[in-house]
Amino acid sequence: MTGRLRQPTGRYAGRTAAERRADRRRRFLAAGLELFGNGPGYRATTGAALSEAAGLSPRQFYEEFRTLEDVLAALHSQLNDAAEEVATAALAEASGLPRAERTEAVFRAYAAYVTGDPRRIRVMFTEIVGVGPRMDEQRLARRSRWVDFLCAQADKAARRGEIEPRDYRLAAIAFIGSVNGLLHDWAVGWVDATLDEVVEELVRALPAFMRPPGQPGRPR
């Protein structure tokens, strides 16, 4: 009889334990996007409320996360990863365009993703601010990655002779700060403009950060 017993496969309802856990995590993050990004916001959300929104139990929540801050951190990383993938794909697609058009195409792709869902803006630029040292460190680390992304593209443009060879890190930091600041201020209602107007203003500002000194508007 022993030889006829089936060995456990680790599958339930056709899915493995890893697949079920990934699905639970996805549902918790989707609930976090809705509650943090649409309302009532991160600070007013409880673990019980998040579990209910995800259609799961508090016990399952604590199997996936230790705290709500873990959810916010994971969601912030997920959204930034997706934005980075969009920007990288747009860069590859625009590789044959002139420098100014290439830069604009990449930023518009990034902006389209970030602003395509108002919940993303709130999580990425407002809910993450002031939570605590851990989130501040993560936010600044992500900002540094975007600075590195811009600097890498500036270095490539300089090697092609499209812009003057110099250290563009300060310019990149200034532009990323402008993006974060303006989108944050718009999201909390401090900017009297439409979202399209905000994006257009950032698009107009972008070339100035990569413009060769002493030659306004002309690549060297």
C-alpha atoms as a PDB file:
ATOM      1  CA  MET A   1       0.000   0.000   0.000  1.00  0.00           C
ATOM      2  CA  THR A   2       2.821   2.371   0.840  1.00  0.00           C
ATOM      3  CA  GLY A   3       4.137   2.194  -2.679  1.00  0.00           C
ATOM      4  CA  ARG A   4       0.776   3.276  -4.059  1.00  0.00           C
ATOM      5  CA  LEU A   5       0.526   6.489  -2.013  1.00  0.00           C
ATOM      6  CA  ARG A   6       0.980   9.688  -4.058  1.00  0.00           C
ATOM      7  CA  GLN A   7       3.769  11.950  -2.951  1.00  0.00           C
ATOM      8  CA  PRO A   8       2.777  15.558  -2.071  1.00  0.00           C
ATOM      9  CA  THR A   9       3.314  17.907  -4.974  1.00  0.00           C
ATOM     10  CA  GLY A  10       3.012  21.182  -3.120  1.00  0.00           C
ATOM     11  CA  ARG A  11       0.172  22.211  -5.410  1.00  0.00           C
ATOM     12  CA  TYR A  12      -3.270  23.404  -4.329  1.00  0.00           C
ATOM     13  CA  ALA A  13      -6.058  24.235  -6.783  1.00  0.00           C
ATOM     14  CA  GLY A  14      -3.525  23.830  -9.576  1.00  0.00           C
ATOM     15  CA  ARG A  15      -1.012  26.309  -8.161  1.00  0.00           C
ATOM     16  CA  THR A  16       2.225  25.855  -6.250  1.00  0.00           C
ATOM     17  CA  ALA A  17       2.846  27.453  -2.865  1.00  0.00           C
ATOM     18  CA  ALA A  18       5.174  29.967  -4.530  1.00  0.00           C
ATOM     19  CA  GLU A  19       2.491  30.901  -7.060  1.00  0.00           C
ATOM     20  CA  ARG A  20      -0.106  31.365  -4.325  1.00  0.00           C
ATOM     21  CA  ARG A  21       2.280  33.514  -2.319  1.00  0.00           C
ATOM     22  CA  ALA A  22       3.119  35.655  -5.359  1.00  0.00           C
ATOM     23  CA  ASP A  23      -0.604  36.141  -5.974  1.00  0.00           C
ATOM     24  CA  ARG A  24      -1.177  37.203  -2.356  1.00  0.00           C
ATOM     25  CA  ARG A  25       1.691  39.671  -2.582  1.00  0.00           C
ATOM     26  CA  ARG A  26       0.300  41.082  -5.827  1.00  0.00           C
ATOM     27  CA  ARG A  27      -3.115  41.544  -4.224  1.00  0.00           C
ATOM     28  CA  PHE A  28      -1.678  43.285  -1.174  1.00  0.00           C
ATOM     29  CA  LEU A  29       0.324  45.664  -3.372  1.00  0.00           C
ATOM     30  CA  ALA A  30      -2.723  46.373  -5.531  1.00  0.00           C
ATOM     31  CA  ALA A  31      -4.695  47.152  -2.391  1.00  0.00           C
ATOM     32  CA  GLY A  32      -1.843  49.364  -1.201  1.00  0.00           C
ATOM     33  CA  LEU A  33      -1.883  51.305  -4.457  1.00  0.00           C
ATOM     34  CA  GLU A  34      -5.602  51.924  -4.043  1.00  0.00           C
ATOM     35  CA  LEU A  35      -5.592  52.829  -0.341  1.00  0.00           C
ATOM     36  CA  PHE A  36      -2.304  54.752  -0.277  1.00  0.00           C
ATOM     37  CA  GLY A  37      -2.755  56.357  -3.680  1.00  0.00           C
ATOM     38  CA  ASN A  38      -6.482  57.030  -3.783  1.00  0.00           C
ATOM     39  CA  GLY A  39      -7.535  57.172  -0.162  1.00  0.00           C
ATOM     40  CA  PRO A  40      -7.399  57.318   2.761  1.00  0.00           C
ATOM     41  CA  GLY A  41      -3.597  57.426   2.321  1.00  0.00           C
ATOM     42  CA  TYR A  42      -0.736  55.520   3.894  1.00  0.00           C
ATOM     43  CA  ARG A  43      -0.926  57.126   7.335  1.00  0.00           C
ATOM     44  CA  ALA A  44      -4.662  56.469   7.689  1.00  0.00           C
ATOM     45  CA  THR A  45      -4.549  52.856   6.492  1.00  0.00           C
ATOM     46  CA  THR A  46      -4.428  49.890   8.860  1.00  0.00           C
ATOM     47  CA  GLY A  47      -3.265  46.350   8.244  1.00  0.00           C
ATOM     48  CA  ALA A  48      -6.842  45.146   8.705  1.00  0.00           C
ATOM     49  CA  ALA A  49      -8.139  47.623   6.124  1.00  0.00           C
ATOM     50  CA  LEU A  50      -5.441  46.635   3.641  1.00  0.00           C
ATOM     51  CA  SER A  51      -6.218  42.948   4.152  1.00  0.00           C
ATOM     52  CA  GLU A  52      -9.921  43.563   3.604  1.00  0.00           C
ATOM     53  CA  ALA A  53      -9.237  45.553   0.424  1.00  0.00           C
ATOM     54  CA  ALA A  54      -7.022  42.728  -0.838  1.00  0.00           C
ATOM     55  CA  GLY A  55      -9.683  40.141  -0.024  1.00  0.00           C
ATOM     56  CA  LEU A  56      -7.261  38.349   2.278  1.00  0.00           C
ATOM     57  CA  SER A  57      -6.860  37.829   6.013  1.00  0.00           C
ATOM     58  CA  PRO A  58      -4.650  39.724   8.469  1.00  0.00           C
ATOM     59  CA  ARG A  59      -2.856  36.448   9.099  1.00  0.00           C
ATOM     60  CA  GLN A  60      -1.963  36.258   5.401  1.00  0.00           C
ATOM     61  CA  PHE A  61      -0.816  39.873   5.536  1.00  0.00           C
ATOM     62  CA  TYR A  62       1.706  39.097   8.273  1.00  0.00           C
ATOM     63  CA  GLU A  63       2.900  36.070   6.339  1.00  0.00           C
ATOM     64  CA  GLU A  64       3.968  38.424   3.523  1.00  0.00           C
ATOM     65  CA  PHE A  65       4.901  41.653   5.328  1.00  0.00           C
ATOM     66  CA  ARG A  66       5.969  42.699   8.801  1.00  0.00           C
ATOM     67  CA  THR A  67       4.502  46.202   8.688  1.00  0.00           C
ATOM     68  CA  LEU A  68       2.541  48.554   6.467  1.00  0.00           C
ATOM     69  CA  GLU A  69       5.803  50.377   5.829  1.00  0.00           C
ATOM     70  CA  ASP A  70       7.049  47.187   4.147  1.00  0.00           C
ATOM     71  CA  VAL A  71       4.083  47.434   1.769  1.00  0.00           C
ATOM     72  CA  LEU A  72       4.793  51.091   1.022  1.00  0.00           C
ATOM     73  CA  ALA A  73       8.473  50.325   0.413  1.00  0.00           C
ATOM     74  CA  ALA A  74       7.663  47.415  -1.906  1.00  0.00           C
ATOM     75  CA  LEU A  75       5.055  49.446  -3.788  1.00  0.00           C
ATOM     76  CA  HIS A  76       7.380  52.437  -4.202  1.00  0.00           C
ATOM     77  CA  SER A  77      10.088  50.135  -5.561  1.00  0.00           C
ATOM     78  CA  GLN A  78       7.639  48.395  -7.894  1.00  0.00           C
ATOM     79  CA  LEU A  79       6.421  51.675  -9.387  1.00  0.00           C
ATOM     80  CA  ASN A  80       9.938  53.023  -9.853  1.00  0.00           C
ATOM     81  CA  ASP A  81      11.090  49.757 -11.420  1.00  0.00           C
ATOM     82  CA  ALA A  82       8.232  49.965 -13.911  1.00  0.00           C
ATOM     83  CA  ALA A  83       9.009  53.623 -14.694  1.00  0.00           C
ATOM     84  CA  GLU A  84      12.663  52.741 -15.249  1.00  0.00           C
ATOM     85  CA  GLU A  85      11.706  49.912 -17.607  1.00  0.00           C
ATOM     86  CA  VAL A  86       9.470  52.289 -19.578  1.00  0.00           C
ATOM     87  CA  ALA A  87      12.238  54.903 -19.834  1.00  0.00           C
ATOM     88  CA  THR A  88      14.810  52.303 -20.899  1.00  0.00           C
ATOM     89  CA  ALA A  89      12.498  50.908 -23.573  1.00  0.00           C
ATOM     90  CA  ALA A  90      11.776  54.421 -24.878  1.00  0.00           C
ATOM     91  CA  LEU A  91      15.500  55.140 -25.001  1.00  0.00           C
ATOM     92  CA  ALA A  92      16.115  52.046 -27.135  1.00  0.00           C
ATOM     93  CA  GLU A  93      13.251  52.964 -29.458  1.00  0.00           C
ATOM     94  CA  ALA A  94      14.476  56.559 -29.851  1.00  0.00           C
ATOM     95  CA  SER A  95      18.135  55.632 -30.345  1.00  0.00           C
ATOM     96  CA  GLY A  96      18.213  56.950 -33.934  1.00  0.00           C
ATOM     97  CA  LEU A  97      16.747  60.371 -33.127  1.00  0.00           C
ATOM     98  CA  PRO A  98      18.721  63.596 -32.598  1.00  0.00           C
ATOM     99  CA  ARG A  99      19.783  64.219 -29.015  1.00  0.00           C
ATOM    100  CA  ALA A 100      17.049  66.721 -28.108  1.00  0.00           C
ATOM    101  CA  GLU A 101      14.268  64.576 -29.593  1.00  0.00           C
ATOM    102  CA  ARG A 102      15.697  61.457 -27.993  1.00  0.00           C
ATOM    103  CA  THR A 103      15.797  63.087 -24.566  1.00  0.00           C
ATOM    104  CA  GLU A 104      12.254  64.386 -24.890  1.00  0.00           C
ATOM    105  CA  ALA A 105      10.933  61.001 -26.045  1.00  0.00           C
ATOM    106  CA  VAL A 106      12.416  59.270 -23.005  1.00  0.00           C
ATOM    107  CA  PHE A 107      11.068  61.820 -20.544  1.00  0.00           C
ATOM    108  CA  ARG A 108       7.621  61.808 -22.131  1.00  0.00           C
ATOM    109  CA  ALA A 109       7.511  58.014 -21.834  1.00  0.00           C
ATOM    110  CA  TYR A 110       8.486  58.256 -18.169  1.00  0.00           C
ATOM    111  CA  ALA A 111       5.940  61.019 -17.538  1.00  0.00           C
ATOM    112  CA  ALA A 112       3.197  59.099 -19.354  1.00  0.00           C
ATOM    113  CA  TYR A 113       3.696  56.121 -17.068  1.00  0.00           C
ATOM    114  CA  VAL A 114       3.945  58.094 -13.835  1.00  0.00           C
ATOM    115  CA  THR A 115       1.019  60.405 -14.592  1.00  0.00           C
ATOM    116  CA  GLY A 116      -1.098  57.755 -16.307  1.00  0.00           C
ATOM    117  CA  ASP A 117      -2.527  56.802 -12.914  1.00  0.00           C
ATOM    118  CA  PRO A 118      -2.915  59.549 -10.268  1.00  0.00           C
ATOM    119  CA  ARG A 119      -2.391  56.898  -7.583  1.00  0.00           C
ATOM    120  CA  ARG A 120       1.167  56.411  -8.817  1.00  0.00           C
ATOM    121  CA  ILE A 121       1.923  60.112  -8.434  1.00  0.00           C
ATOM    122  CA  ARG A 122       0.622  60.149  -4.873  1.00  0.00           C
ATOM    123  CA  VAL A 123       2.594  57.072  -3.807  1.00  0.00           C
ATOM    124  CA  MET A 124       5.824  58.042  -5.594  1.00  0.00           C
ATOM    125  CA  PHE A 125       5.906  61.742  -4.720  1.00  0.00           C
ATOM    126  CA  THR A 126       3.775  62.441  -1.631  1.00  0.00           C
ATOM    127  CA  GLU A 127       2.972  59.400   0.515  1.00  0.00           C
ATOM    128  CA  ILE A 128       6.639  58.381   0.625  1.00  0.00           C
ATOM    129  CA  VAL A 129       7.747  61.739   2.073  1.00  0.00           C
ATOM    130  CA  GLY A 130       8.213  62.114   5.815  1.00  0.00           C
ATOM    131  CA  VAL A 131       7.394  58.517   6.744  1.00  0.00           C
ATOM    132  CA  GLY A 132      10.710  57.877   8.453  1.00  0.00           C
ATOM    133  CA  PRO A 133      14.441  57.303   7.977  1.00  0.00           C
ATOM    134  CA  ARG A 134      14.005  54.058   6.060  1.00  0.00           C
ATOM    135  CA  MET A 135      11.685  55.569   3.466  1.00  0.00           C
ATOM    136  CA  ASP A 136      13.819  58.700   3.214  1.00  0.00           C
ATOM    137  CA  GLU A 137      16.831  56.521   2.463  1.00  0.00           C
ATOM    138  CA  GLN A 138      14.909  54.528  -0.150  1.00  0.00           C
ATOM    139  CA  ARG A 139      13.530  57.681  -1.763  1.00  0.00           C
ATOM    140  CA  LEU A 140      16.979  59.255  -2.016  1.00  0.00           C
ATOM    141  CA  ALA A 141      18.493  56.015  -3.300  1.00  0.00           C
ATOM    142  CA  ARG A 142      15.910  55.945  -6.092  1.00  0.00           C
ATOM    143  CA  ARG A 143      16.588  59.575  -6.887  1.00  0.00           C
ATOM    144  CA  SER A 144      20.277  58.710  -7.147  1.00  0.00           C
ATOM    145  CA  ARG A 145      19.476  55.949  -9.628  1.00  0.00           C
ATOM    146  CA  TRP A 146      17.598  58.408 -11.835  1.00  0.00           C
ATOM    147  CA  VAL A 147      20.510  60.841 -11.592  1.00  0.00           C
ATOM    148  CA  ASP A 148      22.861  58.055 -12.697  1.00  0.00           C
ATOM    149  CA  PHE A 149      20.497  57.277 -15.582  1.00  0.00           C
ATOM    150  CA  LEU A 150      20.590  60.889 -16.836  1.00  0.00           C
ATOM    151  CA  CYS A 151      24.352  61.168 -16.350  1.00  0.00           C
ATOM    152  CA  ALA A 152      24.941  57.994 -18.351  1.00  0.00           C
ATOM    153  CA  GLN A 153      22.923  59.389 -21.249  1.00  0.00           C
ATOM    154  CA  ALA A 154      24.721  62.740 -21.028  1.00  0.00           C
ATOM    155  CA  ASP A 155      28.095  60.975 -21.135  1.00  0.00           C
ATOM    156  CA  LYS A 156      27.056  59.060 -24.252  1.00  0.00           C
ATOM    157  CA  ALA A 157      25.825  62.262 -25.902  1.00  0.00           C
ATOM    158  CA  ALA A 158      29.110  63.985 -25.059  1.00  0.00           C
ATOM    159  CA  ARG A 159      31.129  61.143 -26.597  1.00  0.00           C
ATOM    160  CA  ARG A 160      29.051  61.515 -29.767  1.00  0.00           C
ATOM    161  CA  GLY A 161      29.835  65.231 -29.839  1.00  0.00           C
ATOM    162  CA  GLU A 162      26.200  66.234 -29.260  1.00  0.00           C
ATOM    163  CA  ILE A 163      26.893  68.191 -26.076  1.00  0.00           C
ATOM    164  CA  GLU A 164      29.967  69.564 -24.350  1.00  0.00           C
ATOM    165  CA  PRO A 165      31.926  67.008 -22.317  1.00  0.00           C
ATOM    166  CA  ARG A 166      31.603  67.962 -18.645  1.00  0.00           C
ATOM    167  CA  ASP A 167      30.245  66.653 -15.369  1.00  0.00           C
ATOM    168  CA  TYR A 168      26.438  66.706 -15.701  1.00  0.00           C
ATOM    169  CA  ARG A 169      25.680  65.290 -12.246  1.00  0.00           C
ATOM    170  CA  LEU A 170      24.684  68.626 -10.729  1.00  0.00           C
ATOM    171  CA  ALA A 171      22.440  69.357 -13.722  1.00  0.00           C
ATOM    172  CA  ALA A 172      20.848  65.909 -13.423  1.00  0.00           C
ATOM    173  CA  ILE A 173      20.245  66.381  -9.694  1.00  0.00           C
ATOM    174  CA  ALA A 174      18.634  69.759 -10.379  1.00  0.00           C
ATOM    175  CA  PHE A 175      16.322  68.324 -13.028  1.00  0.00           C
ATOM    176  CA  ILE A 176      15.284  65.300 -10.951  1.00  0.00           C
ATOM    177  CA  GLY A 177      14.621  67.659  -8.058  1.00  0.00           C
ATOM    178  CA  SER A 178      12.428  69.757 -10.349  1.00  0.00           C
ATOM    179  CA  VAL A 179      10.445  66.698 -11.440  1.00  0.00           C
ATOM    180  CA  ASN A 180       9.932  65.461  -7.890  1.00  0.00           C
ATOM    181  CA  GLY A 181       9.141  68.881  -6.497  1.00  0.00           C
ATOM    182  CA  LEU A 182       6.708  69.936  -9.196  1.00  0.00           C
ATOM    183  CA  LEU A 183       4.835  66.629  -9.276  1.00  0.00           C
ATOM    184  CA  HIS A 184       4.655  66.602  -5.466  1.00  0.00           C
ATOM    185  CA  ASP A 185       3.338  70.158  -5.345  1.00  0.00           C
ATOM    186  CA  TRP A 186       0.807  69.435  -8.086  1.00  0.00           C
ATOM    187  CA  ALA A 187      -0.383  66.268  -6.341  1.00  0.00           C
ATOM    188  CA  VAL A 188      -1.060  68.079  -3.057  1.00  0.00           C
ATOM    189  CA  GLY A 189      -2.861  70.939  -4.809  1.00  0.00           C
ATOM    190  CA  TRP A 190      -0.231  73.648  -4.532  1.00  0.00           C
ATOM    191  CA  VAL A 191       0.115  74.161  -8.288  1.00  0.00           C
ATOM    192  CA  ASP A 192      -2.751  75.751 -10.213  1.00  0.00           C
ATOM    193  CA  ALA A 193      -2.243  73.914 -13.504  1.00  0.00           C
ATOM    194  CA  THR A 194      -3.418  70.821 -15.304  1.00  0.00           C
ATOM    195  CA  LEU A 195      -1.247  67.741 -15.239  1.00  0.00           C
ATOM    196  CA  ASP A 196      -0.597  68.155 -18.969  1.00  0.00           C
ATOM    197  CA  GLU A 197       0.660  71.694 -18.325  1.00  0.00           C
ATOM    198  CA  VAL A 198       2.988  70.413 -15.607  1.00  0.00           C
ATOM    199  CA  VAL A 199       4.463  67.773 -17.910  1.00  0.00           C
ATOM    200  CA  GLU A 200       4.869  70.285 -20.757  1.00  0.00           C
ATOM    201  CA  GLU A 201       6.724  72.666 -18.445  1.00  0.00           C
ATOM    202  CA  LEU A 202       9.128  69.923 -17.432  1.00  0.00           C
ATOM    203  CA  VAL A 203       9.654  68.985 -21.090  1.00  0.00           C
ATOM    204  CA  ARG A 204      10.530  72.612 -21.869  1.00  0.00           C
ATOM    205  CA  ALA A 205      12.926  72.751 -18.925  1.00  0.00           C
ATOM    206  CA  LEU A 206      14.787  69.534 -19.727  1.00  0.00           C
ATOM    207  CA  PRO A 207      17.033  70.801 -22.595  1.00  0.00           C
ATOM    208  CA  ALA A 208      18.375  73.605 -20.398  1.00  0.00           C
ATOM    209  CA  PHE A 209      19.999  71.079 -18.083  1.00  0.00           C
ATOM    210  CA  MET A 210      21.919  69.500 -20.945  1.00  0.00           C
ATOM    211  CA  ARG A 211      22.728  72.669 -22.890  1.00  0.00           C
ATOM    212  CA  PRO A 212      26.421  73.444 -23.516  1.00  0.00           C
ATOM    213  CA  PRO A 213      27.523  76.578 -21.610  1.00  0.00           C
ATOM    214  CA  GLY A 214      27.835  79.657 -23.799  1.00  0.00           C
ATOM    215  CA  GLN A 215      25.923  78.130 -26.708  1.00  0.00           C
ATOM    216  CA  PRO A 216      22.202  78.362 -25.908  1.00  0.00           C
ATOM    217  CA  GLY A 217      20.171  75.914 -27.935  1.00  0.00           C
ATOM    218  CA  ARG A 218      23.074  74.639 -30.088  1.00  0.00           C
ATOM    219  CA  PRO A 219      24.994  71.417 -29.534  1.00  0.00           C
ATOM    220  CA  ARG A 220      28.736  71.907 -29.660  1.00  0.00           C
END
